[in-house]
Amino acid sequence: MITTRTARPEDEAALARLDERTWTPAVSPAPPPPPGTPFFGGGTRPEDVLVAEHDGVVAGYVQLGDGFDIPAHRHVAVIDGLAVDPDRRRLGIARQLVEAAVEEARRRGGRKVTLRVLGHNTGARRVYELCGFVVEGVLRGEFRIDQRYVDDVLMARALA
């Protein structure tokens, strides 16, 4: 059984391990987090992270952010991160987390949810498309990863 809930401070170690296990150049242009990097802090708060549990174990998370911290952008929520335990993929966890993030954004009064995904991350792009996200723009060759130029794809879903 898969359930979603708001993260709690005691989830920090499990979420940090999940970040370490899921980082690859396919999902992030940034360097991997060094071992022992705390999950919460640096702007990441438990109330902005939704956790998926599978059989009582933390199996994934999605992080919501504010994007630009100005009044003119308060109606937009941003998916700042999504990760699913590699041993628990293909169970619908990512899709459930994205839908939970959309509902949380709606609950907070949002009218739109946006995200950025690497062009070659076809698995994540497929999940977002299944959840109603559409491509709003592509920054061609925005990153150089493993000696290749990679697009940064901007996607969004309206919450009308």
N, C-alpha and C. Protein backbone atom coordinates (compact mmCIF):
# COMPACT_ATOMS: atom_id res chain seq x y z
N MET A 1 0.83 -1.18 0.00
CA MET A 1 0.00 0.00 0.00
C MET A 1 0.88 1.25 0.00
N ILE A 2 0.47 2.25 -0.80
CA ILE A 2 1.22 3.49 -0.91
C ILE A 2 0.38 4.62 -0.31
N THR A 3 0.99 5.37 0.61
CA THR A 3 0.33 6.53 1.19
C THR A 3 1.25 7.73 1.04
N THR A 4 0.65 8.91 1.01
CA THR A 4 1.45 10.15 0.98
C THR A 4 1.08 10.99 2.19
N ARG A 5 2.06 11.75 2.64
CA ARG A 5 1.87 12.61 3.81
C ARG A 5 2.93 13.69 3.76
N THR A 6 2.76 14.69 4.60
CA THR A 6 3.76 15.74 4.75
C THR A 6 4.96 15.17 5.49
N ALA A 7 6.14 15.58 5.07
CA ALA A 7 7.36 15.10 5.73
C ALA A 7 7.41 15.58 7.18
N ARG A 8 8.14 14.82 7.97
CA ARG A 8 8.37 15.17 9.37
C ARG A 8 9.88 15.28 9.58
N PRO A 9 10.33 16.05 10.57
CA PRO A 9 11.77 16.16 10.82
C PRO A 9 12.46 14.80 10.96
N GLU A 10 11.78 13.82 11.53
CA GLU A 10 12.41 12.50 11.72
C GLU A 10 12.58 11.74 10.41
N ASP A 11 12.06 12.25 9.30
CA ASP A 11 12.26 11.63 7.99
C ASP A 11 13.61 12.01 7.37
N GLU A 12 14.30 12.95 7.99
CA GLU A 12 15.49 13.53 7.37
C GLU A 12 16.52 12.49 6.91
N ALA A 13 16.87 11.54 7.74
CA ALA A 13 17.90 10.56 7.37
C ALA A 13 17.44 9.72 6.18
N ALA A 14 16.19 9.28 6.18
CA ALA A 14 15.68 8.47 5.07
C ALA A 14 15.65 9.28 3.78
N LEU A 15 15.28 10.54 3.86
CA LEU A 15 15.23 11.38 2.66
C LEU A 15 16.63 11.68 2.14
N ALA A 16 17.58 11.92 3.02
CA ALA A 16 18.96 12.14 2.60
C ALA A 16 19.53 10.90 1.91
N ARG A 17 19.25 9.72 2.46
CA ARG A 17 19.70 8.47 1.82
C ARG A 17 19.06 8.31 0.45
N LEU A 18 17.79 8.66 0.35
CA LEU A 18 17.08 8.58 -0.92
C LEU A 18 17.73 9.50 -1.95
N ASP A 19 18.08 10.71 -1.54
CA ASP A 19 18.78 11.62 -2.46
C ASP A 19 20.10 11.02 -2.93
N GLU A 20 20.86 10.44 -2.02
CA GLU A 20 22.14 9.84 -2.39
C GLU A 20 21.94 8.68 -3.38
N ARG A 21 20.91 7.87 -3.15
CA ARG A 21 20.66 6.69 -4.00
C ARG A 21 20.10 7.03 -5.37
N THR A 22 19.43 8.16 -5.49
CA THR A 22 18.74 8.46 -6.75
C THR A 22 19.47 9.46 -7.62
N TRP A 23 20.51 10.11 -7.12
CA TRP A 23 21.19 11.11 -7.94
C TRP A 23 21.95 10.44 -9.08
N THR A 24 21.73 10.94 -10.28
CA THR A 24 22.51 10.57 -11.47
C THR A 24 22.55 11.78 -12.38
N PRO A 25 23.44 11.81 -13.37
CA PRO A 25 23.44 12.91 -14.32
C PRO A 25 22.17 12.95 -15.18
N ALA A 26 21.39 11.88 -15.16
CA ALA A 26 20.13 11.87 -15.91
C ALA A 26 19.07 12.74 -15.22
N VAL A 27 19.23 12.98 -13.92
CA VAL A 27 18.20 13.71 -13.19
C VAL A 27 18.63 15.08 -12.70
N SER A 28 19.93 15.35 -12.67
CA SER A 28 20.38 16.64 -12.15
C SER A 28 21.69 17.09 -12.78
N PRO A 29 21.75 18.36 -13.18
CA PRO A 29 23.01 18.89 -13.69
C PRO A 29 23.96 19.29 -12.56
N ALA A 30 23.45 19.36 -11.33
CA ALA A 30 24.27 19.73 -10.18
C ALA A 30 25.09 18.52 -9.73
N PRO A 31 26.17 18.76 -9.04
CA PRO A 31 26.95 17.63 -8.51
C PRO A 31 26.14 16.87 -7.47
N PRO A 32 26.46 15.60 -7.24
CA PRO A 32 25.72 14.83 -6.24
C PRO A 32 25.93 15.40 -4.85
N PRO A 33 24.95 15.20 -3.98
CA PRO A 33 25.14 15.67 -2.61
C PRO A 33 26.22 14.84 -1.92
N PRO A 34 27.15 15.48 -1.24
CA PRO A 34 28.17 14.71 -0.51
C PRO A 34 27.51 13.84 0.55
N PRO A 35 28.06 12.65 0.81
CA PRO A 35 27.51 11.81 1.88
C PRO A 35 27.41 12.59 3.18
N GLY A 36 26.30 12.40 3.86
CA GLY A 36 26.09 13.09 5.14
C GLY A 36 25.44 14.46 5.00
N THR A 37 25.10 14.87 3.78
CA THR A 37 24.45 16.16 3.59
C THR A 37 23.05 16.10 4.19
N PRO A 38 22.70 17.05 5.08
CA PRO A 38 21.35 17.02 5.64
C PRO A 38 20.32 17.32 4.55
N PHE A 39 19.16 16.72 4.67
CA PHE A 39 18.10 16.95 3.68
C PHE A 39 17.39 18.27 3.96
N PHE A 40 17.05 18.51 5.21
CA PHE A 40 16.36 19.75 5.55
C PHE A 40 17.38 20.85 5.82
N GLY A 41 17.03 22.06 5.48
CA GLY A 41 17.92 23.20 5.61
C GLY A 41 18.17 23.77 4.23
N GLY A 42 18.82 24.91 4.18
CA GLY A 42 19.08 25.53 2.89
C GLY A 42 17.80 25.84 2.13
N GLY A 43 16.73 26.13 2.85
CA GLY A 43 15.46 26.44 2.22
C GLY A 43 14.50 25.27 2.12
N THR A 44 14.96 24.05 2.41
CA THR A 44 14.07 22.89 2.37
C THR A 44 13.48 22.67 3.76
N ARG A 45 12.15 22.80 3.84
CA ARG A 45 11.45 22.64 5.11
C ARG A 45 10.55 21.41 5.03
N PRO A 46 10.35 20.72 6.14
CA PRO A 46 9.48 19.54 6.11
C PRO A 46 8.09 19.81 5.53
N GLU A 47 7.52 20.97 5.81
CA GLU A 47 6.17 21.27 5.33
C GLU A 47 6.08 21.46 3.81
N ASP A 48 7.22 21.56 3.14
CA ASP A 48 7.23 21.69 1.69
C ASP A 48 7.59 20.40 0.98
N VAL A 49 7.67 19.32 1.73
CA VAL A 49 8.03 18.01 1.16
C VAL A 49 6.90 17.03 1.46
N LEU A 50 6.45 16.35 0.42
CA LEU A 50 5.47 15.28 0.59
C LEU A 50 6.20 13.96 0.41
N VAL A 51 5.93 13.04 1.31
CA VAL A 51 6.61 11.75 1.35
C VAL A 51 5.64 10.66 0.95
N ALA A 52 6.13 9.71 0.15
CA ALA A 52 5.35 8.51 -0.13
C ALA A 52 5.93 7.38 0.70
N GLU A 53 5.03 6.63 1.34
CA GLU A 53 5.43 5.44 2.07
C GLU A 53 4.85 4.22 1.37
N HIS A 54 5.68 3.21 1.23
CA HIS A 54 5.24 1.93 0.66
C HIS A 54 5.49 0.89 1.72
N ASP A 55 4.44 0.26 2.18
CA ASP A 55 4.54 -0.72 3.26
C ASP A 55 5.26 -0.15 4.48
N GLY A 56 4.97 1.12 4.80
CA GLY A 56 5.53 1.76 5.99
C GLY A 56 6.94 2.28 5.85
N VAL A 57 7.53 2.20 4.65
CA VAL A 57 8.91 2.65 4.44
C VAL A 57 8.90 3.86 3.50
N VAL A 58 9.72 4.87 3.79
CA VAL A 58 9.83 6.03 2.91
C VAL A 58 10.34 5.55 1.56
N ALA A 59 9.50 5.76 0.53
CA ALA A 59 9.81 5.26 -0.81
C ALA A 59 10.01 6.35 -1.83
N GLY A 60 9.72 7.59 -1.47
CA GLY A 60 9.89 8.69 -2.41
C GLY A 60 9.44 9.99 -1.80
N TYR A 61 9.72 11.08 -2.52
CA TYR A 61 9.29 12.40 -2.07
C TYR A 61 9.14 13.33 -3.26
N VAL A 62 8.37 14.38 -3.04
CA VAL A 62 8.28 15.49 -3.98
C VAL A 62 8.39 16.76 -3.14
N GLN A 63 9.14 17.72 -3.67
CA GLN A 63 9.34 18.97 -2.94
C GLN A 63 8.69 20.12 -3.69
N LEU A 64 7.91 20.90 -2.98
CA LEU A 64 7.26 22.08 -3.55
C LEU A 64 8.00 23.33 -3.11
N GLY A 65 8.18 24.25 -4.03
CA GLY A 65 8.81 25.52 -3.71
C GLY A 65 7.95 26.66 -4.21
N ASP A 66 8.42 27.88 -3.93
CA ASP A 66 7.67 29.08 -4.30
C ASP A 66 8.15 29.71 -5.60
N GLY A 67 9.25 29.27 -6.16
CA GLY A 67 9.77 29.94 -7.34
C GLY A 67 10.30 31.31 -6.96
N PHE A 68 9.80 32.34 -7.61
CA PHE A 68 10.21 33.71 -7.30
C PHE A 68 9.48 34.18 -6.06
N ASP A 69 10.20 34.69 -5.09
CA ASP A 69 9.59 35.14 -3.84
C ASP A 69 9.16 36.59 -3.96
N ILE A 70 8.20 36.83 -4.86
CA ILE A 70 7.63 38.17 -5.03
C ILE A 70 6.11 38.02 -5.12
N PRO A 71 5.37 39.05 -4.72
CA PRO A 71 3.90 38.95 -4.73
C PRO A 71 3.33 38.57 -6.11
N ALA A 72 3.91 39.03 -7.17
CA ALA A 72 3.37 38.77 -8.51
C ALA A 72 3.48 37.30 -8.92
N HIS A 73 4.22 36.50 -8.16
CA HIS A 73 4.44 35.10 -8.53
C HIS A 73 3.87 34.14 -7.48
N ARG A 74 3.16 34.65 -6.50
CA ARG A 74 2.67 33.81 -5.41
C ARG A 74 1.65 32.77 -5.85
N HIS A 75 1.05 32.94 -6.99
CA HIS A 75 0.04 31.98 -7.48
C HIS A 75 0.67 30.76 -8.14
N VAL A 76 2.00 30.73 -8.24
CA VAL A 76 2.71 29.64 -8.91
C VAL A 76 3.50 28.82 -7.89
N ALA A 77 3.27 27.52 -7.91
CA ALA A 77 4.07 26.59 -7.09
C ALA A 77 5.05 25.90 -8.04
N VAL A 78 6.19 25.51 -7.50
CA VAL A 78 7.24 24.89 -8.31
C VAL A 78 7.59 23.54 -7.70
N ILE A 79 7.60 22.51 -8.54
CA ILE A 79 8.12 21.22 -8.10
C ILE A 79 9.63 21.31 -8.19
N ASP A 80 10.28 21.33 -7.03
CA ASP A 80 11.73 21.50 -6.94
C ASP A 80 12.49 20.19 -6.88
N GLY A 81 11.79 19.08 -6.73
CA GLY A 81 12.47 17.80 -6.67
C GLY A 81 11.48 16.67 -6.58
N LEU A 82 11.85 15.55 -7.18
CA LEU A 82 11.04 14.34 -7.15
C LEU A 82 12.02 13.16 -7.16
N ALA A 83 11.84 12.23 -6.23
CA ALA A 83 12.71 11.06 -6.18
C ALA A 83 11.91 9.86 -5.70
N VAL A 84 12.20 8.72 -6.30
CA VAL A 84 11.57 7.46 -5.90
C VAL A 84 12.67 6.42 -5.73
N ASP A 85 12.58 5.67 -4.65
CA ASP A 85 13.54 4.60 -4.37
C ASP A 85 13.66 3.69 -5.60
N PRO A 86 14.88 3.48 -6.11
CA PRO A 86 15.05 2.63 -7.30
C PRO A 86 14.47 1.23 -7.14
N ASP A 87 14.43 0.71 -5.92
CA ASP A 87 13.87 -0.63 -5.69
C ASP A 87 12.35 -0.64 -5.67
N ARG A 88 11.73 0.54 -5.74
CA ARG A 88 10.27 0.63 -5.65
C ARG A 88 9.67 1.37 -6.84
N ARG A 89 10.39 1.41 -7.93
CA ARG A 89 9.87 2.06 -9.13
C ARG A 89 8.85 1.17 -9.83
N ARG A 90 8.06 1.80 -10.68
CA ARG A 90 7.01 1.11 -11.46
C ARG A 90 5.83 0.67 -10.59
N LEU A 91 5.67 1.34 -9.45
CA LEU A 91 4.53 1.05 -8.58
C LEU A 91 3.52 2.20 -8.59
N GLY A 92 3.80 3.25 -9.35
CA GLY A 92 2.92 4.41 -9.40
C GLY A 92 3.24 5.46 -8.34
N ILE A 93 4.37 5.32 -7.67
CA ILE A 93 4.72 6.24 -6.59
C ILE A 93 4.98 7.64 -7.12
N ALA A 94 5.72 7.78 -8.19
CA ALA A 94 6.03 9.11 -8.73
C ALA A 94 4.75 9.84 -9.12
N ARG A 95 3.89 9.14 -9.80
CA ARG A 95 2.64 9.76 -10.24
C ARG A 95 1.78 10.18 -9.04
N GLN A 96 1.71 9.34 -8.03
CA GLN A 96 0.95 9.67 -6.83
C GLN A 96 1.55 10.90 -6.13
N LEU A 97 2.87 10.98 -6.09
CA LEU A 97 3.53 12.13 -5.46
C LEU A 97 3.25 13.42 -6.25
N VAL A 98 3.34 13.36 -7.57
CA VAL A 98 3.08 14.55 -8.38
C VAL A 98 1.64 15.02 -8.19
N GLU A 99 0.70 14.09 -8.20
CA GLU A 99 -0.71 14.46 -7.99
C GLU A 99 -0.91 15.05 -6.59
N ALA A 100 -0.22 14.51 -5.59
CA ALA A 100 -0.32 15.05 -4.24
C ALA A 100 0.25 16.47 -4.19
N ALA A 101 1.33 16.72 -4.92
CA ALA A 101 1.92 18.06 -4.97
C ALA A 101 0.96 19.04 -5.64
N VAL A 102 0.30 18.60 -6.71
CA VAL A 102 -0.68 19.45 -7.39
C VAL A 102 -1.82 19.81 -6.43
N GLU A 103 -2.30 18.83 -5.70
CA GLU A 103 -3.38 19.09 -4.74
C GLU A 103 -2.93 20.02 -3.63
N GLU A 104 -1.70 19.86 -3.15
CA GLU A 104 -1.18 20.75 -2.11
C GLU A 104 -1.05 22.17 -2.65
N ALA A 105 -0.58 22.32 -3.88
CA ALA A 105 -0.48 23.65 -4.49
C ALA A 105 -1.87 24.28 -4.59
N ARG A 106 -2.83 23.50 -4.99
CA ARG A 106 -4.22 23.99 -5.09
C ARG A 106 -4.73 24.40 -3.70
N ARG A 107 -4.46 23.57 -2.69
CA ARG A 107 -4.88 23.89 -1.32
C ARG A 107 -4.28 25.20 -0.84
N ARG A 108 -3.05 25.49 -1.28
CA ARG A 108 -2.37 26.73 -0.88
C ARG A 108 -2.82 27.93 -1.71
N GLY A 109 -3.76 27.72 -2.62
CA GLY A 109 -4.27 28.83 -3.43
C GLY A 109 -3.56 29.00 -4.75
N GLY A 110 -2.75 28.04 -5.14
CA GLY A 110 -2.03 28.14 -6.39
C GLY A 110 -2.94 28.02 -7.60
N ARG A 111 -2.51 28.63 -8.70
CA ARG A 111 -3.24 28.56 -9.97
C ARG A 111 -2.43 27.83 -11.04
N LYS A 112 -1.15 27.53 -10.71
CA LYS A 112 -0.27 26.91 -11.69
C LYS A 112 0.86 26.21 -10.94
N VAL A 113 1.30 25.06 -11.48
CA VAL A 113 2.47 24.36 -10.96
C VAL A 113 3.46 24.23 -12.11
N THR A 114 4.70 24.60 -11.87
CA THR A 114 5.73 24.50 -12.89
C THR A 114 6.86 23.60 -12.41
N LEU A 115 7.71 23.21 -13.35
CA LEU A 115 8.88 22.41 -13.03
C LEU A 115 9.87 22.49 -14.18
N ARG A 116 11.07 22.05 -13.91
CA ARG A 116 12.12 21.93 -14.92
C ARG A 116 12.61 20.49 -14.89
N VAL A 117 12.83 19.91 -16.07
CA VAL A 117 13.29 18.53 -16.17
C VAL A 117 14.29 18.46 -17.32
N LEU A 118 15.32 17.66 -17.14
CA LEU A 118 16.31 17.51 -18.21
C LEU A 118 15.69 16.79 -19.40
N GLY A 119 16.03 17.25 -20.59
CA GLY A 119 15.45 16.71 -21.81
C GLY A 119 15.61 15.22 -21.97
N HIS A 120 16.73 14.68 -21.51
CA HIS A 120 16.96 13.24 -21.69
C HIS A 120 16.33 12.38 -20.59
N ASN A 121 15.66 13.01 -19.63
CA ASN A 121 15.01 12.26 -18.55
C ASN A 121 13.59 11.90 -18.98
N THR A 122 13.51 10.96 -19.92
CA THR A 122 12.22 10.61 -20.53
C THR A 122 11.26 9.98 -19.53
N GLY A 123 11.75 9.25 -18.56
CA GLY A 123 10.87 8.64 -17.57
C GLY A 123 10.12 9.69 -16.76
N ALA A 124 10.85 10.69 -16.27
CA ALA A 124 10.21 11.76 -15.50
C ALA A 124 9.27 12.57 -16.38
N ARG A 125 9.70 12.87 -17.59
CA ARG A 125 8.83 13.64 -18.50
C ARG A 125 7.52 12.90 -18.76
N ARG A 126 7.59 11.60 -18.90
CA ARG A 126 6.38 10.81 -19.13
C ARG A 126 5.45 10.89 -17.92
N VAL A 127 6.00 10.79 -16.72
CA VAL A 127 5.19 10.90 -15.50
C VAL A 127 4.49 12.25 -15.47
N TYR A 128 5.24 13.32 -15.72
CA TYR A 128 4.65 14.66 -15.68
C TYR A 128 3.56 14.82 -16.73
N GLU A 129 3.80 14.29 -17.92
CA GLU A 129 2.77 14.36 -18.97
C GLU A 129 1.52 13.59 -18.57
N LEU A 130 1.68 12.42 -17.96
CA LEU A 130 0.53 11.65 -17.50
C LEU A 130 -0.25 12.39 -16.42
N CYS A 131 0.42 13.28 -15.72
CA CYS A 131 -0.22 14.07 -14.67
C CYS A 131 -0.75 15.41 -15.20
N GLY A 132 -0.75 15.59 -16.51
CA GLY A 132 -1.34 16.79 -17.10
C GLY A 132 -0.40 17.95 -17.34
N PHE A 133 0.88 17.76 -17.17
CA PHE A 133 1.84 18.84 -17.43
C PHE A 133 2.14 18.91 -18.92
N VAL A 134 2.34 20.12 -19.41
CA VAL A 134 2.68 20.34 -20.81
C VAL A 134 3.98 21.13 -20.90
N VAL A 135 4.68 20.96 -22.01
CA VAL A 135 5.92 21.70 -22.23
C VAL A 135 5.56 23.15 -22.55
N GLU A 136 6.16 24.07 -21.81
CA GLU A 136 5.95 25.49 -22.07
C GLU A 136 7.19 26.13 -22.69
N GLY A 137 8.30 25.44 -22.65
CA GLY A 137 9.51 25.99 -23.25
C GLY A 137 10.66 25.01 -23.12
N VAL A 138 11.66 25.22 -23.97
CA VAL A 138 12.85 24.38 -23.93
C VAL A 138 14.06 25.30 -24.04
N LEU A 139 14.97 25.18 -23.10
CA LEU A 139 16.23 25.90 -23.15
C LEU A 139 17.24 24.93 -23.76
N ARG A 140 17.50 25.08 -25.03
CA ARG A 140 18.33 24.14 -25.78
C ARG A 140 19.79 24.21 -25.32
N GLY A 141 20.36 23.03 -25.08
CA GLY A 141 21.77 22.94 -24.71
C GLY A 141 22.12 23.71 -23.45
N GLU A 142 21.20 23.81 -22.52
CA GLU A 142 21.39 24.62 -21.31
C GLU A 142 22.47 24.07 -20.39
N PHE A 143 22.65 22.76 -20.38
CA PHE A 143 23.64 22.14 -19.51
C PHE A 143 24.59 21.26 -20.32
N ARG A 144 25.81 21.12 -19.84
CA ARG A 144 26.77 20.19 -20.42
C ARG A 144 27.01 19.10 -19.38
N ILE A 145 26.52 17.90 -19.70
CA ILE A 145 26.59 16.76 -18.77
C ILE A 145 27.22 15.59 -19.51
N ASP A 146 28.25 15.03 -18.91
CA ASP A 146 28.95 13.89 -19.53
C ASP A 146 29.34 14.18 -20.98
N GLN A 147 29.89 15.34 -21.19
CA GLN A 147 30.40 15.76 -22.50
C GLN A 147 29.31 15.96 -23.56
N ARG A 148 28.04 16.08 -23.12
CA ARG A 148 26.94 16.30 -24.06
C ARG A 148 26.13 17.51 -23.60
N TYR A 149 25.63 18.25 -24.57
CA TYR A 149 24.75 19.36 -24.25
C TYR A 149 23.33 18.82 -24.07
N VAL A 150 22.68 19.24 -23.00
CA VAL A 150 21.38 18.70 -22.62
C VAL A 150 20.37 19.86 -22.49
N ASP A 151 19.18 19.64 -23.00
CA ASP A 151 18.11 20.64 -22.90
C ASP A 151 17.52 20.67 -21.51
N ASP A 152 17.04 21.85 -21.12
CA ASP A 152 16.28 22.04 -19.89
C ASP A 152 14.84 22.30 -20.32
N VAL A 153 13.94 21.40 -19.97
CA VAL A 153 12.55 21.47 -20.42
C VAL A 153 11.70 22.07 -19.31
N LEU A 154 10.96 23.12 -19.65
CA LEU A 154 10.08 23.78 -18.71
C LEU A 154 8.66 23.27 -18.93
N MET A 155 8.06 22.75 -17.88
CA MET A 155 6.72 22.18 -17.98
C MET A 155 5.81 22.83 -16.94
N ALA A 156 4.50 22.80 -17.21
CA ALA A 156 3.56 23.41 -16.28
C ALA A 156 2.19 22.74 -16.38
N ARG A 157 1.43 22.93 -15.32
CA ARG A 157 0.03 22.48 -15.29
C ARG A 157 -0.81 23.58 -14.66
N ALA A 158 -1.84 23.99 -15.36
CA ALA A 158 -2.77 24.99 -14.82
C ALA A 158 -3.69 24.32 -13.82
N LEU A 159 -4.09 25.06 -12.79
CA LEU A 159 -4.95 24.51 -11.74
C LEU A 159 -6.32 25.19 -11.73
N ALA A 160 -6.79 25.62 -12.85
CA ALA A 160 -8.04 26.37 -12.93
C ALA A 160 -9.16 25.78 -12.14
